[in-house]
Amino acid sequence: MERNLTVSLPKSLIKKAKLIAVRKDKSLSELIRESLEEKIRRDSDYKRAKERQSRLLKMGLDLGTEGRITISSKMGTVPIFFHAPSCRPASYWLDCQ
């Protein structure tokens, strides 16, 4: 269902938008609708990607270290142990979406 909407825009912006619409053989309404749809789609895609990455960070990644990291320096080698109970095998992350 389509509805009319009144929007106030600077004259210079309207003039530029009309030129673009003419070049693309579209009405100004079509051009604005497509621009809004694209903006909303990108925003939705960003939110989904952000949520997916947040879930991955909370779960942790299996780096193949089995909880052991060794740091080497001029003073020698120091083992560091940590526990990440939620780590999954690397193949799991490839399937996770």
N, C-alpha and C. Protein backbone atom coordinates (compact mmCIF):
# COMPACT_ATOMS: atom_id res chain seq x y z
N MET A 1 0.84 -1.17 0.00
CA MET A 1 0.00 0.00 0.00
C MET A 1 0.89 1.24 0.00
N GLU A 2 0.70 2.09 -0.91
CA GLU A 2 1.50 3.31 -1.02
C GLU A 2 0.75 4.48 -0.41
N ARG A 3 1.52 5.38 0.21
CA ARG A 3 0.97 6.60 0.80
C ARG A 3 1.80 7.78 0.34
N ASN A 4 1.17 8.91 0.26
CA ASN A 4 1.89 10.13 -0.08
C ASN A 4 2.59 10.66 1.16
N LEU A 5 3.72 11.32 0.93
CA LEU A 5 4.52 11.87 2.01
C LEU A 5 5.04 13.23 1.58
N THR A 6 4.91 14.20 2.44
CA THR A 6 5.44 15.53 2.14
C THR A 6 6.78 15.66 2.84
N VAL A 7 7.80 16.04 2.06
CA VAL A 7 9.14 16.18 2.60
C VAL A 7 9.68 17.55 2.21
N SER A 8 10.32 18.21 3.15
CA SER A 8 10.94 19.51 2.85
C SER A 8 12.42 19.29 2.60
N LEU A 9 12.89 19.71 1.43
CA LEU A 9 14.30 19.55 1.05
C LEU A 9 14.82 20.86 0.50
N PRO A 10 16.12 21.09 0.62
CA PRO A 10 16.70 22.29 0.02
C PRO A 10 16.53 22.27 -1.51
N LYS A 11 16.32 23.45 -2.08
CA LYS A 11 16.12 23.55 -3.53
C LYS A 11 17.27 22.95 -4.32
N SER A 12 18.49 23.17 -3.86
CA SER A 12 19.65 22.65 -4.58
C SER A 12 19.64 21.12 -4.62
N LEU A 13 19.20 20.50 -3.52
CA LEU A 13 19.12 19.03 -3.48
C LEU A 13 18.04 18.51 -4.42
N ILE A 14 16.92 19.19 -4.44
CA ILE A 14 15.82 18.79 -5.34
C ILE A 14 16.27 18.90 -6.79
N LYS A 15 16.96 19.98 -7.12
CA LYS A 15 17.43 20.19 -8.49
C LYS A 15 18.38 19.07 -8.91
N LYS A 16 19.34 18.74 -8.05
CA LYS A 16 20.29 17.66 -8.36
C LYS A 16 19.58 16.31 -8.48
N ALA A 17 18.63 16.06 -7.58
CA ALA A 17 17.90 14.79 -7.61
C ALA A 17 17.09 14.67 -8.90
N LYS A 18 16.48 15.76 -9.32
CA LYS A 18 15.71 15.73 -10.57
C LYS A 18 16.60 15.42 -11.77
N LEU A 19 17.80 16.00 -11.78
CA LEU A 19 18.74 15.71 -12.88
C LEU A 19 19.12 14.24 -12.91
N ILE A 20 19.37 13.68 -11.75
CA ILE A 20 19.72 12.25 -11.66
C ILE A 20 18.54 11.40 -12.12
N ALA A 21 17.34 11.77 -11.68
CA ALA A 21 16.14 11.01 -12.07
C ALA A 21 15.96 11.03 -13.59
N VAL A 22 16.16 12.19 -14.21
CA VAL A 22 16.02 12.29 -15.67
C VAL A 22 17.05 11.40 -16.36
N ARG A 23 18.30 11.45 -15.88
CA ARG A 23 19.36 10.62 -16.48
C ARG A 23 19.05 9.13 -16.36
N LYS A 24 18.39 8.76 -15.28
CA LYS A 24 18.07 7.34 -15.06
C LYS A 24 16.69 6.97 -15.60
N ASP A 25 16.04 7.93 -16.24
CA ASP A 25 14.70 7.74 -16.80
C ASP A 25 13.72 7.24 -15.73
N LYS A 26 13.72 7.93 -14.60
CA LYS A 26 12.84 7.59 -13.48
C LYS A 26 12.17 8.86 -12.98
N SER A 27 11.08 8.67 -12.27
CA SER A 27 10.45 9.82 -11.63
C SER A 27 11.24 10.13 -10.36
N LEU A 28 11.05 11.34 -9.86
CA LEU A 28 11.71 11.72 -8.61
C LEU A 28 11.25 10.81 -7.47
N SER A 29 9.97 10.47 -7.46
CA SER A 29 9.45 9.56 -6.43
C SER A 29 10.13 8.20 -6.48
N GLU A 30 10.31 7.66 -7.69
CA GLU A 30 11.00 6.37 -7.82
C GLU A 30 12.44 6.45 -7.30
N LEU A 31 13.12 7.52 -7.67
CA LEU A 31 14.51 7.69 -7.25
C LEU A 31 14.60 7.75 -5.72
N ILE A 32 13.74 8.53 -5.09
CA ILE A 32 13.75 8.66 -3.63
C ILE A 32 13.37 7.33 -2.98
N ARG A 33 12.35 6.65 -3.50
CA ARG A 33 11.93 5.35 -2.94
C ARG A 33 13.08 4.34 -3.01
N GLU A 34 13.75 4.26 -4.16
CA GLU A 34 14.87 3.32 -4.30
C GLU A 34 16.01 3.67 -3.34
N SER A 35 16.27 4.96 -3.19
CA SER A 35 17.33 5.38 -2.27
C SER A 35 17.01 4.99 -0.83
N LEU A 36 15.77 5.22 -0.43
CA LEU A 36 15.35 4.84 0.93
C LEU A 36 15.40 3.32 1.14
N GLU A 37 14.92 2.58 0.14
CA GLU A 37 14.96 1.12 0.24
C GLU A 37 16.39 0.61 0.39
N GLU A 38 17.31 1.17 -0.38
CA GLU A 38 18.72 0.78 -0.31
C GLU A 38 19.31 1.10 1.05
N LYS A 39 19.00 2.28 1.56
CA LYS A 39 19.49 2.69 2.88
C LYS A 39 18.97 1.75 3.98
N ILE A 40 17.71 1.42 3.91
CA ILE A 40 17.10 0.51 4.90
C ILE A 40 17.70 -0.88 4.78
N ARG A 41 17.91 -1.36 3.55
CA ARG A 41 18.50 -2.69 3.34
C ARG A 41 19.90 -2.76 3.93
N ARG A 42 20.72 -1.72 3.66
CA ARG A 42 22.08 -1.70 4.19
C ARG A 42 22.09 -1.67 5.71
N ASP A 43 21.18 -0.91 6.28
CA ASP A 43 21.08 -0.83 7.74
C ASP A 43 20.70 -2.19 8.33
N SER A 44 19.76 -2.87 7.70
CA SER A 44 19.33 -4.20 8.17
C SER A 44 20.47 -5.21 8.03
N ASP A 45 21.18 -5.18 6.91
CA ASP A 45 22.32 -6.08 6.69
C ASP A 45 23.40 -5.84 7.75
N TYR A 46 23.66 -4.58 8.05
CA TYR A 46 24.67 -4.24 9.06
C TYR A 46 24.27 -4.79 10.42
N LYS A 47 23.01 -4.60 10.79
CA LYS A 47 22.54 -5.09 12.10
C LYS A 47 22.66 -6.61 12.19
N ARG A 48 22.29 -7.32 11.12
CA ARG A 48 22.40 -8.79 11.13
C ARG A 48 23.86 -9.22 11.26
N ALA A 49 24.75 -8.57 10.52
CA ALA A 49 26.17 -8.91 10.59
C ALA A 49 26.73 -8.62 11.98
N LYS A 50 26.33 -7.50 12.57
CA LYS A 50 26.79 -7.13 13.90
C LYS A 50 26.32 -8.16 14.93
N GLU A 51 25.06 -8.57 14.85
CA GLU A 51 24.53 -9.58 15.78
C GLU A 51 25.26 -10.91 15.61
N ARG A 52 25.52 -11.31 14.36
CA ARG A 52 26.22 -12.57 14.10
C ARG A 52 27.63 -12.52 14.69
N GLN A 53 28.33 -11.41 14.49
CA GLN A 53 29.68 -11.29 15.03
C GLN A 53 29.68 -11.24 16.56
N SER A 54 28.67 -10.61 17.15
CA SER A 54 28.56 -10.58 18.61
C SER A 54 28.37 -12.00 19.16
N ARG A 55 27.54 -12.80 18.49
CA ARG A 55 27.34 -14.20 18.92
C ARG A 55 28.65 -14.98 18.83
N LEU A 56 29.39 -14.79 17.74
CA LEU A 56 30.67 -15.49 17.59
C LEU A 56 31.65 -15.09 18.69
N LEU A 57 31.70 -13.80 19.02
CA LEU A 57 32.62 -13.35 20.06
C LEU A 57 32.25 -13.94 21.42
N LYS A 58 30.95 -14.05 21.70
CA LYS A 58 30.52 -14.62 22.98
C LYS A 58 30.85 -16.10 23.06
N MET A 59 30.74 -16.80 21.93
CA MET A 59 31.01 -18.24 21.92
C MET A 59 32.50 -18.54 21.93
N GLY A 60 33.29 -17.66 21.37
CA GLY A 60 34.73 -17.89 21.28
C GLY A 60 35.08 -18.66 20.01
N LEU A 61 36.33 -18.59 19.62
CA LEU A 61 36.80 -19.28 18.42
C LEU A 61 37.86 -20.30 18.81
N ASP A 62 37.81 -21.44 18.16
CA ASP A 62 38.83 -22.46 18.38
C ASP A 62 40.02 -22.13 17.50
N LEU A 63 41.11 -21.71 18.12
CA LEU A 63 42.31 -21.34 17.37
C LEU A 63 43.30 -22.50 17.28
N GLY A 64 42.89 -23.65 17.77
CA GLY A 64 43.74 -24.82 17.70
C GLY A 64 44.85 -24.84 18.74
N THR A 65 44.76 -24.01 19.75
CA THR A 65 45.82 -23.95 20.76
C THR A 65 45.52 -24.83 21.97
N GLU A 66 44.32 -25.41 22.02
CA GLU A 66 43.89 -26.23 23.14
C GLU A 66 44.05 -25.49 24.47
N GLY A 67 43.83 -24.17 24.44
CA GLY A 67 43.88 -23.38 25.66
C GLY A 67 45.27 -22.97 26.09
N ARG A 68 46.29 -23.22 25.26
CA ARG A 68 47.67 -22.86 25.61
C ARG A 68 48.23 -21.88 24.59
N ILE A 69 48.80 -20.81 25.10
CA ILE A 69 49.48 -19.84 24.25
C ILE A 69 50.87 -19.65 24.82
N THR A 70 51.87 -19.64 23.95
CA THR A 70 53.24 -19.43 24.39
C THR A 70 53.72 -18.09 23.85
N ILE A 71 54.25 -17.28 24.75
CA ILE A 71 54.78 -15.98 24.35
C ILE A 71 56.29 -16.02 24.50
N SER A 72 56.97 -15.71 23.42
CA SER A 72 58.43 -15.68 23.45
C SER A 72 58.92 -14.24 23.51
N SER A 73 59.93 -14.01 24.32
CA SER A 73 60.53 -12.69 24.40
C SER A 73 62.02 -12.86 24.67
N LYS A 74 62.72 -11.75 24.82
CA LYS A 74 64.15 -11.79 25.12
C LYS A 74 64.42 -12.47 26.45
N MET A 75 63.42 -12.46 27.32
CA MET A 75 63.59 -13.02 28.66
C MET A 75 63.25 -14.50 28.72
N GLY A 76 62.83 -15.09 27.61
CA GLY A 76 62.52 -16.51 27.59
C GLY A 76 61.09 -16.76 27.13
N THR A 77 60.69 -18.02 27.23
CA THR A 77 59.36 -18.43 26.78
C THR A 77 58.46 -18.60 27.99
N VAL A 78 57.26 -18.02 27.92
CA VAL A 78 56.32 -18.08 29.02
C VAL A 78 55.02 -18.70 28.52
N PRO A 79 54.62 -19.88 29.08
CA PRO A 79 53.34 -20.45 28.67
C PRO A 79 52.18 -19.76 29.40
N ILE A 80 51.10 -19.54 28.69
CA ILE A 80 49.91 -18.95 29.28
C ILE A 80 48.77 -19.92 29.03
N PHE A 81 48.00 -20.23 30.07
CA PHE A 81 46.88 -21.16 29.94
C PHE A 81 45.58 -20.41 30.18
N PHE A 82 44.58 -20.74 29.42
CA PHE A 82 43.26 -20.16 29.65
C PHE A 82 42.23 -21.21 29.31
N HIS A 83 41.02 -20.98 29.78
CA HIS A 83 39.94 -21.94 29.55
C HIS A 83 38.82 -21.24 28.81
N ALA A 84 38.46 -21.76 27.65
CA ALA A 84 37.35 -21.21 26.87
C ALA A 84 36.35 -22.34 26.62
N PRO A 85 35.43 -22.56 27.54
CA PRO A 85 34.53 -23.71 27.46
C PRO A 85 33.59 -23.71 26.27
N SER A 86 33.35 -22.56 25.67
CA SER A 86 32.37 -22.53 24.59
C SER A 86 33.00 -22.64 23.20
N CYS A 87 34.30 -22.91 23.12
CA CYS A 87 34.95 -23.00 21.81
C CYS A 87 34.40 -24.18 21.01
N ARG A 88 34.32 -24.00 19.74
CA ARG A 88 33.83 -25.03 18.83
C ARG A 88 34.92 -25.33 17.80
N PRO A 89 34.86 -26.49 17.17
CA PRO A 89 35.82 -26.80 16.10
C PRO A 89 35.71 -25.79 14.97
N ALA A 90 36.80 -25.58 14.26
CA ALA A 90 36.85 -24.59 13.17
C ALA A 90 35.77 -24.85 12.13
N SER A 91 35.46 -26.12 11.84
CA SER A 91 34.45 -26.41 10.82
C SER A 91 33.09 -25.88 11.22
N TYR A 92 32.83 -25.78 12.53
CA TYR A 92 31.55 -25.25 13.00
C TYR A 92 31.36 -23.81 12.53
N TRP A 93 32.42 -23.00 12.58
CA TRP A 93 32.31 -21.60 12.24
C TRP A 93 32.01 -21.39 10.76
N LEU A 94 32.45 -22.30 9.93
CA LEU A 94 32.17 -22.17 8.50
C LEU A 94 30.69 -22.33 8.21
N ASP A 95 30.02 -23.15 9.03
CA ASP A 95 28.60 -23.40 8.82
C ASP A 95 27.71 -22.41 9.59
N CYS A 96 28.28 -21.68 10.51
CA CYS A 96 27.52 -20.78 11.36
C CYS A 96 27.15 -19.52 10.61
N GLN A 97 25.85 -19.21 10.53
CA GLN A 97 25.44 -17.99 9.83
C GLN A 97 24.40 -17.27 10.60
